[in-house]
Structures are given as C-alpha cells and as structure tokens.
Amino acid sequence: MQEMLSNIFGKTVQESKGPTTAVTTEPQGTTLGKTVQESEEPSAAVTAEPQGTTLGSSIYTCPPNMIYGNCTREATCEDPKGESACNSTCLGSTGCICKAGLMLNGSDCISASRCSCFVTEANMVISNGKTYVNDNCTQKCSCSNNRLICEGFRCDTNAVCDVENGVRQCYCNDGYEGDGETCESLYTDCQEVYDAGHTQDGVYTIMPTGWPGLPFSESCKMENG
C-alpha cells in the first residue's frame, strides 16, 4: 500500500513516531539566558596591626616602666609633687605615663630614691652633697643620700648675703675671714695673734694694715710674745 501511495503522490512518506520536543542547551556559565561573568574587583585588603596594647583602633607600645593611660601633671625628679611639670602635648589626653611610684627623669621613669633632692621654694633639684641658700640667706638646704635637710641660716654681723661665682651664701666682709656664718677679724701681725690669746706657735692668717692683696699665711712664734 505504501508503495502504491508513493507512486501516486511522488513523495516518500515516513512513519511518525510521535511528537518530538526540541531542547535548547544553554552554554555553561549562563543563567536565565544571560551570561554571568566573574567579578574582577579585588577583595578588601586586611592590614595586620603590630603587636602591642590595643585601645580602640590604635595600638600603643610604651617604653619600660611606663603604661598607657590618662596624662596628668607627672611627678619628675625636678618636681616630685608634679605641681609645675606639665607635658602640654599630652595633658588632657592619653599616652605613655610612668607606673605608680615612679618619677619621670628625662625620658625614663625611675624610683624617687634615684632622684636628686628637690627644693620646693626654689623649684629646683640639688644633687647629693650640695647645698642651697635662699634669697635672703635665712634658710640653708642640703642634700644627703637623696634626703633634703633644711634648717635656719644666718650671716655673721661682719658678713653679707651675696652671690659669687653663681653661689649664694654668706661672705665675710673685707678684713674678716670665716665661712660667712662666723667671721673673725684678720690679724695685722703676729702680735695681734698673741694678744688675741693664741699663745702657741703656728701658722696664722695675716693681713697687714693697708695691704692691697689678699690675706696670707704667716708662721708666728709665740715664745717671747
């Protein structure tokens, strides 16, 4: 029959095997008919912070014997009570400060026992073995083993409170000798030495009347007065 029909219509008739559904395959890397491209934007870089004390977003590393905290009027070797010393770049903010019990000495924090003596009245430090005399020579302070000792001070009636070579103290008037607290008249000759009760032979300081130079030492023999 099929051959007959083919001859009639001149066409080849193929058997139908049911409807065919066409399936379109999307290329890989596409979604919903649109090509998805990989992002080429670089990811955010993470910076490693250095080791240290972290407060907020900042990291601070303080020198030995220092901690990070609120800046105040720090005690220093020059100002143990912290009354006049002031770090203007730090006061009122935060930064590295000395640990409790330590005092600032330059850029280091040390114990108070290592500081020289501080004289409050003069707002200054005197080192061990040194002394300080106030402006009117009524008080003398000395430093011994980092301990400040102050006591009353008075010039001899034959002395004056003055500054010589940068040192303030009592100085005996011309014609007198001593430490300023006690001044004795200079002898004009050995006879005056003897008359003053010094009956032993010895070397005495003599300043003859009208002598233009400094007093000098003279050996006096008191055997015959």
C-alpha atoms as a PDB file:
ATOM      1  CA  MET A   1       0.000   0.000   0.000  1.00  0.00           C
ATOM      2  CA  GLN A   2       2.738   2.388   0.969  1.00  0.00           C
ATOM      3  CA  GLU A   3       4.491   1.777  -2.308  1.00  0.00           C
ATOM      4  CA  MET A   4       1.250   2.460  -4.160  1.00  0.00           C
ATOM      5  CA  LEU A   5       0.700   5.753  -2.380  1.00  0.00           C
ATOM      6  CA  SER A   6       4.255   6.779  -3.006  1.00  0.00           C
ATOM      7  CA  ASN A   7       3.826   6.213  -6.624  1.00  0.00           C
ATOM      8  CA  ILE A   8       0.596   8.205  -6.615  1.00  0.00           C
ATOM      9  CA  PHE A   9       1.920  11.298  -4.781  1.00  0.00           C
ATOM     10  CA  GLY A  10       5.606  11.056  -5.779  1.00  0.00           C
ATOM     11  CA  LYS A  11       6.746  11.578  -2.169  1.00  0.00           C
ATOM     12  CA  THR A  12       8.212   9.336   0.418  1.00  0.00           C
ATOM     13  CA  VAL A  13       6.030   9.016   3.446  1.00  0.00           C
ATOM     14  CA  GLN A  14       7.914   8.419   6.774  1.00  0.00           C
ATOM     15  CA  GLU A  15       6.237   6.864   9.729  1.00  0.00           C
ATOM     16  CA  SER A  16       5.536   9.236  12.540  1.00  0.00           C
ATOM     17  CA  LYS A  17       6.937   8.089  15.810  1.00  0.00           C
ATOM     18  CA  GLY A  18       5.190  10.736  17.964  1.00  0.00           C
ATOM     19  CA  PRO A  19       5.857  14.390  18.639  1.00  0.00           C
ATOM     20  CA  THR A  20       9.444  15.494  19.241  1.00  0.00           C
ATOM     21  CA  THR A  21      10.331  18.189  21.772  1.00  0.00           C
ATOM     22  CA  ALA A  22      13.366  20.322  20.948  1.00  0.00           C
ATOM     23  CA  VAL A  23      15.635  21.026  23.872  1.00  0.00           C
ATOM     24  CA  THR A  24      17.941  24.023  23.691  1.00  0.00           C
ATOM     25  CA  THR A  25      21.038  23.673  25.801  1.00  0.00           C
ATOM     26  CA  GLU A  26      22.258  26.932  27.337  1.00  0.00           C
ATOM     27  CA  PRO A  27      26.022  27.396  27.308  1.00  0.00           C
ATOM     28  CA  GLN A  28      27.788  26.831  30.576  1.00  0.00           C
ATOM     29  CA  GLY A  29      28.287  29.872  32.661  1.00  0.00           C
ATOM     30  CA  THR A  30      24.852  31.362  31.851  1.00  0.00           C
ATOM     31  CA  THR A  31      21.787  31.823  33.984  1.00  0.00           C
ATOM     32  CA  LEU A  32      18.346  32.577  32.598  1.00  0.00           C
ATOM     33  CA  GLY A  33      19.757  33.160  29.158  1.00  0.00           C
ATOM     34  CA  LYS A  34      22.237  35.739  30.428  1.00  0.00           C
ATOM     35  CA  THR A  35      25.915  35.229  30.749  1.00  0.00           C
ATOM     36  CA  VAL A  36      27.260  35.591  34.285  1.00  0.00           C
ATOM     37  CA  GLN A  37      30.803  36.961  34.407  1.00  0.00           C
ATOM     38  CA  GLU A  38      33.156  36.541  37.368  1.00  0.00           C
ATOM     39  CA  SER A  39      33.793  39.731  39.346  1.00  0.00           C
ATOM     40  CA  GLU A  40      37.205  41.178  38.665  1.00  0.00           C
ATOM     41  CA  GLU A  41      37.080  43.675  41.568  1.00  0.00           C
ATOM     42  CA  PRO A  42      39.841  42.987  44.102  1.00  0.00           C
ATOM     43  CA  SER A  43      38.787  41.938  47.594  1.00  0.00           C
ATOM     44  CA  ALA A  44      39.399  44.301  50.515  1.00  0.00           C
ATOM     45  CA  ALA A  45      42.943  44.049  51.886  1.00  0.00           C
ATOM     46  CA  VAL A  46      43.374  43.245  55.573  1.00  0.00           C
ATOM     47  CA  THR A  47      46.318  45.008  57.206  1.00  0.00           C
ATOM     48  CA  ALA A  48      47.936  43.227  60.124  1.00  0.00           C
ATOM     49  CA  GLU A  49      48.438  45.569  63.077  1.00  0.00           C
ATOM     50  CA  PRO A  50      51.739  45.383  65.015  1.00  0.00           C
ATOM     51  CA  GLN A  51      51.817  43.681  68.371  1.00  0.00           C
ATOM     52  CA  GLY A  52      51.095  45.942  71.342  1.00  0.00           C
ATOM     53  CA  THR A  53      48.402  47.276  73.639  1.00  0.00           C
ATOM     54  CA  THR A  54      45.216  47.768  71.645  1.00  0.00           C
ATOM     55  CA  LEU A  55      42.836  50.529  72.687  1.00  0.00           C
ATOM     56  CA  GLY A  56      40.044  51.153  70.237  1.00  0.00           C
ATOM     57  CA  SER A  57      41.530  51.081  66.771  1.00  0.00           C
ATOM     58  CA  SER A  58      45.041  52.172  67.818  1.00  0.00           C
ATOM     59  CA  ILE A  59      47.998  50.201  69.092  1.00  0.00           C
ATOM     60  CA  TYR A  60      50.474  51.696  71.572  1.00  0.00           C
ATOM     61  CA  THR A  61      53.791  50.318  72.744  1.00  0.00           C
ATOM     62  CA  CYS A  62      55.166  52.113  75.809  1.00  0.00           C
ATOM     63  CA  PRO A  63      58.809  52.137  76.982  1.00  0.00           C
ATOM     64  CA  PRO A  64      59.883  50.138  80.054  1.00  0.00           C
ATOM     65  CA  ASN A  65      58.369  51.255  83.393  1.00  0.00           C
ATOM     66  CA  MET A  66      55.582  53.070  81.527  1.00  0.00           C
ATOM     67  CA  ILE A  67      51.936  52.245  80.952  1.00  0.00           C
ATOM     68  CA  TYR A  68      49.294  53.709  78.669  1.00  0.00           C
ATOM     69  CA  GLY A  69      46.785  55.943  80.453  1.00  0.00           C
ATOM     70  CA  ASN A  70      45.397  59.424  81.029  1.00  0.00           C
ATOM     71  CA  CYS A  71      48.084  62.090  81.081  1.00  0.00           C
ATOM     72  CA  THR A  72      48.328  64.188  84.244  1.00  0.00           C
ATOM     73  CA  ARG A  73      50.875  66.501  85.832  1.00  0.00           C
ATOM     74  CA  GLU A  74      53.544  63.857  86.226  1.00  0.00           C
ATOM     75  CA  ALA A  75      55.958  63.784  89.123  1.00  0.00           C
ATOM     76  CA  THR A  76      59.529  64.225  87.962  1.00  0.00           C
ATOM     77  CA  CYS A  77      62.899  64.265  89.670  1.00  0.00           C
ATOM     78  CA  GLU A  78      62.893  68.050  89.223  1.00  0.00           C
ATOM     79  CA  ASP A  79      59.315  68.342  90.519  1.00  0.00           C
ATOM     80  CA  PRO A  80      58.407  65.380  92.770  1.00  0.00           C
ATOM     81  CA  LYS A  81      54.896  66.678  93.508  1.00  0.00           C
ATOM     82  CA  GLY A  82      54.085  67.314  89.872  1.00  0.00           C
ATOM     83  CA  GLU A  83      52.987  70.869  90.643  1.00  0.00           C
ATOM     84  CA  SER A  84      54.876  72.707  87.931  1.00  0.00           C
ATOM     85  CA  ALA A  85      55.916  69.990  85.472  1.00  0.00           C
ATOM     86  CA  CYS A  86      53.425  69.684  82.627  1.00  0.00           C
ATOM     87  CA  ASN A  87      53.584  67.901  79.304  1.00  0.00           C
ATOM     88  CA  SER A  88      51.487  70.270  77.183  1.00  0.00           C
ATOM     89  CA  THR A  89      51.365  67.839  74.257  1.00  0.00           C
ATOM     90  CA  CYS A  90      49.848  65.128  76.408  1.00  0.00           C
ATOM     91  CA  LEU A  91      47.946  66.764  79.285  1.00  0.00           C
ATOM     92  CA  GLY A  92      44.213  66.206  78.957  1.00  0.00           C
ATOM     93  CA  SER A  93      44.641  63.280  76.583  1.00  0.00           C
ATOM     94  CA  THR A  94      46.128  59.802  76.764  1.00  0.00           C
ATOM     95  CA  GLY A  95      49.626  58.494  76.318  1.00  0.00           C
ATOM     96  CA  CYS A  96      52.514  56.680  77.991  1.00  0.00           C
ATOM     97  CA  ILE A  97      52.965  57.641  81.649  1.00  0.00           C
ATOM     98  CA  CYS A  98      55.154  56.383  84.478  1.00  0.00           C
ATOM     99  CA  LYS A  99      53.932  53.481  86.550  1.00  0.00           C
ATOM    100  CA  ALA A 100      52.744  54.237  90.082  1.00  0.00           C
ATOM    101  CA  GLY A 101      55.596  55.090  92.445  1.00  0.00           C
ATOM    102  CA  LEU A 102      57.996  56.113  89.680  1.00  0.00           C
ATOM    103  CA  MET A 103      59.079  59.588  88.613  1.00  0.00           C
ATOM    104  CA  LEU A 104      59.961  60.940  85.205  1.00  0.00           C
ATOM    105  CA  ASN A 105      63.651  61.692  84.734  1.00  0.00           C
ATOM    106  CA  GLY A 106      64.277  62.905  81.196  1.00  0.00           C
ATOM    107  CA  SER A 107      62.587  60.248  79.087  1.00  0.00           C
ATOM    108  CA  ASP A 108      62.926  57.459  81.675  1.00  0.00           C
ATOM    109  CA  CYS A 109      60.839  56.506  84.677  1.00  0.00           C
ATOM    110  CA  ILE A 110      62.881  55.837  87.801  1.00  0.00           C
ATOM    111  CA  SER A 111      62.259  55.452  91.522  1.00  0.00           C
ATOM    112  CA  ALA A 112      62.185  58.596  93.647  1.00  0.00           C
ATOM    113  CA  SER A 113      65.257  57.411  95.556  1.00  0.00           C
ATOM    114  CA  ARG A 114      67.327  57.814  92.400  1.00  0.00           C
ATOM    115  CA  CYS A 115      66.383  61.481  92.008  1.00  0.00           C
ATOM    116  CA  SER A 116      68.481  64.297  93.356  1.00  0.00           C
ATOM    117  CA  CYS A 117      66.932  66.443  96.086  1.00  0.00           C
ATOM    118  CA  PHE A 118      64.226  68.881  95.073  1.00  0.00           C
ATOM    119  CA  VAL A 119      63.949  72.266  96.813  1.00  0.00           C
ATOM    120  CA  THR A 120      60.296  73.341  96.727  1.00  0.00           C
ATOM    121  CA  GLU A 121      60.928  77.027  97.431  1.00  0.00           C
ATOM    122  CA  ALA A 122      63.385  77.312  94.554  1.00  0.00           C
ATOM    123  CA  ASN A 123      61.617  74.787  92.294  1.00  0.00           C
ATOM    124  CA  MET A 124      64.951  73.144  91.657  1.00  0.00           C
ATOM    125  CA  VAL A 125      66.912  69.987  92.343  1.00  0.00           C
ATOM    126  CA  ILE A 126      70.192  69.881  94.227  1.00  0.00           C
ATOM    127  CA  SER A 127      72.436  66.864  93.960  1.00  0.00           C
ATOM    128  CA  ASN A 128      73.933  64.868  96.806  1.00  0.00           C
ATOM    129  CA  GLY A 129      76.488  66.806  98.817  1.00  0.00           C
ATOM    130  CA  LYS A 130      75.290  70.184  97.531  1.00  0.00           C
ATOM    131  CA  THR A 131      73.584  72.992  99.433  1.00  0.00           C
ATOM    132  CA  TYR A 132      71.087  75.701  98.611  1.00  0.00           C
ATOM    133  CA  VAL A 133      70.682  79.038 100.386  1.00  0.00           C
ATOM    134  CA  ASN A 134      67.509  81.079  99.860  1.00  0.00           C
ATOM    135  CA  ASP A 135      67.479  84.646  98.560  1.00  0.00           C
ATOM    136  CA  ASN A 136      67.863  86.394 101.925  1.00  0.00           C
ATOM    137  CA  CYS A 137      70.182  83.798 103.462  1.00  0.00           C
ATOM    138  CA  THR A 138      67.738  82.780 106.173  1.00  0.00           C
ATOM    139  CA  GLN A 139      67.491  79.111 105.199  1.00  0.00           C
ATOM    140  CA  LYS A 140      70.025  76.568 104.014  1.00  0.00           C
ATOM    141  CA  CYS A 141      69.084  73.214 102.490  1.00  0.00           C
ATOM    142  CA  SER A 142      71.462  70.332 101.941  1.00  0.00           C
ATOM    143  CA  CYS A 143      71.067  67.016 100.162  1.00  0.00           C
ATOM    144  CA  SER A 144      72.462  63.861 101.727  1.00  0.00           C
ATOM    145  CA  ASN A 145      71.716  60.375 100.374  1.00  0.00           C
ATOM    146  CA  ASN A 146      68.800  61.787  98.380  1.00  0.00           C
ATOM    147  CA  ARG A 147      67.371  63.291 101.552  1.00  0.00           C
ATOM    148  CA  LEU A 148      66.712  67.012 101.755  1.00  0.00           C
ATOM    149  CA  ILE A 149      67.556  68.710 105.048  1.00  0.00           C
ATOM    150  CA  CYS A 150      66.644  72.379 105.549  1.00  0.00           C
ATOM    151  CA  GLU A 151      67.498  74.495 108.568  1.00  0.00           C
ATOM    152  CA  GLY A 152      67.609  78.103 109.674  1.00  0.00           C
ATOM    153  CA  PHE A 153      70.587  80.107 108.461  1.00  0.00           C
ATOM    154  CA  ARG A 154      72.049  83.477 109.446  1.00  0.00           C
ATOM    155  CA  CYS A 155      75.037  85.503 108.308  1.00  0.00           C
ATOM    156  CA  ASP A 156      77.571  86.850 110.788  1.00  0.00           C
ATOM    157  CA  THR A 157      77.283  90.554 111.588  1.00  0.00           C
ATOM    158  CA  ASN A 158      80.537  91.003 109.693  1.00  0.00           C
ATOM    159  CA  ALA A 159      79.263  89.201 106.599  1.00  0.00           C
ATOM    160  CA  VAL A 160      76.885  89.879 103.738  1.00  0.00           C
ATOM    161  CA  CYS A 161      74.426  87.672 101.822  1.00  0.00           C
ATOM    162  CA  ASP A 162      75.621  87.705  98.233  1.00  0.00           C
ATOM    163  CA  VAL A 163      76.178  85.645  95.079  1.00  0.00           C
ATOM    164  CA  GLU A 164      79.740  84.959  93.968  1.00  0.00           C
ATOM    165  CA  ASN A 165      80.599  82.698  91.051  1.00  0.00           C
ATOM    166  CA  GLY A 166      76.963  81.676  90.864  1.00  0.00           C
ATOM    167  CA  VAL A 167      76.830  80.586  94.508  1.00  0.00           C
ATOM    168  CA  ARG A 168      74.613  82.375  97.017  1.00  0.00           C
ATOM    169  CA  GLN A 169      75.783  82.314 100.605  1.00  0.00           C
ATOM    170  CA  CYS A 170      77.173  84.493 103.386  1.00  0.00           C
ATOM    171  CA  TYR A 171      80.551  86.056 102.667  1.00  0.00           C
ATOM    172  CA  CYS A 172      82.740  87.711 105.290  1.00  0.00           C
ATOM    173  CA  ASN A 173      83.480  91.393 104.858  1.00  0.00           C
ATOM    174  CA  ASP A 174      86.941  92.614 103.988  1.00  0.00           C
ATOM    175  CA  GLY A 175      89.264  92.309 106.960  1.00  0.00           C
ATOM    176  CA  TYR A 176      87.436  89.219 108.226  1.00  0.00           C
ATOM    177  CA  GLU A 177      87.672  85.548 107.473  1.00  0.00           C
ATOM    178  CA  GLY A 178      85.378  82.587 108.035  1.00  0.00           C
ATOM    179  CA  ASP A 179      82.511  80.665 106.456  1.00  0.00           C
ATOM    180  CA  GLY A 180      80.115  83.599 106.483  1.00  0.00           C
ATOM    181  CA  GLU A 181      78.165  82.310 109.439  1.00  0.00           C
ATOM    182  CA  THR A 182      81.152  83.038 111.634  1.00  0.00           C
ATOM    183  CA  CYS A 183      83.637  85.736 110.679  1.00  0.00           C
ATOM    184  CA  GLU A 184      86.738  86.661 112.628  1.00  0.00           C
ATOM    185  CA  SER A 185      88.869  89.734 112.255  1.00  0.00           C
ATOM    186  CA  LEU A 186      92.086  89.204 110.370  1.00  0.00           C
ATOM    187  CA  TYR A 187      95.233  89.888 112.358  1.00  0.00           C
ATOM    188  CA  THR A 188      97.556  92.558 111.108  1.00  0.00           C
ATOM    189  CA  ASP A 189     100.615  90.829 112.578  1.00  0.00           C
ATOM    190  CA  CYS A 190     101.720  88.039 114.917  1.00  0.00           C
ATOM    191  CA  GLN A 191     101.475  90.352 117.938  1.00  0.00           C
ATOM    192  CA  GLU A 192      97.738  90.690 117.421  1.00  0.00           C
ATOM    193  CA  VAL A 193      97.531  86.939 117.157  1.00  0.00           C
ATOM    194  CA  TYR A 194      99.259  86.606 120.525  1.00  0.00           C
ATOM    195  CA  ASP A 195      97.177  89.354 122.121  1.00  0.00           C
ATOM    196  CA  ALA A 196      94.042  87.530 120.982  1.00  0.00           C
ATOM    197  CA  GLY A 197      95.050  84.606 123.201  1.00  0.00           C
ATOM    198  CA  HIS A 198      96.779  82.372 120.676  1.00  0.00           C
ATOM    199  CA  THR A 199      99.961  81.590 122.586  1.00  0.00           C
ATOM    200  CA  GLN A 200     101.034  78.524 120.647  1.00  0.00           C
ATOM    201  CA  ASP A 201     103.444  78.643 117.751  1.00  0.00           C
ATOM    202  CA  GLY A 202     101.687  78.088 114.486  1.00  0.00           C
ATOM    203  CA  VAL A 203     100.650  79.366 111.103  1.00  0.00           C
ATOM    204  CA  TYR A 204      98.071  82.143 111.172  1.00  0.00           C
ATOM    205  CA  THR A 205      96.313  84.230 108.561  1.00  0.00           C
ATOM    206  CA  ILE A 206      97.693  87.742 108.495  1.00  0.00           C
ATOM    207  CA  MET A 207      96.557  90.867 106.661  1.00  0.00           C
ATOM    208  CA  PRO A 208      98.705  93.892 107.458  1.00  0.00           C
ATOM    209  CA  THR A 209      97.060  97.276 107.572  1.00  0.00           C
ATOM    210  CA  GLY A 210      96.957  98.824 104.119  1.00  0.00           C
ATOM    211  CA  TRP A 211      97.907  95.554 102.460  1.00  0.00           C
ATOM    212  CA  PRO A 212      96.445  95.715  98.909  1.00  0.00           C
ATOM    213  CA  GLY A 213      96.401  91.984  98.271  1.00  0.00           C
ATOM    214  CA  LEU A 214      94.620  89.031  99.796  1.00  0.00           C
ATOM    215  CA  PRO A 215      95.322  87.743 103.315  1.00  0.00           C
ATOM    216  CA  PHE A 216      98.270  85.382 103.530  1.00  0.00           C
ATOM    217  CA  SER A 217      99.545  82.734 105.898  1.00  0.00           C
ATOM    218  CA  GLU A 218     102.319  83.632 108.323  1.00  0.00           C
ATOM    219  CA  SER A 219     104.258  81.423 110.712  1.00  0.00           C
ATOM    220  CA  CYS A 220     104.201  83.016 114.153  1.00  0.00           C
ATOM    221  CA  LYS A 221     106.469  82.007 117.058  1.00  0.00           C
ATOM    222  CA  MET A 222     104.849  82.893 120.358  1.00  0.00           C
ATOM    223  CA  GLU A 223     107.726  82.028 122.745  1.00  0.00           C
ATOM    224  CA  ASN A 224     108.530  85.625 123.639  1.00  0.00           C
ATOM    225  CA  GLY A 225     105.199  87.166 122.803  1.00  0.00           C
END
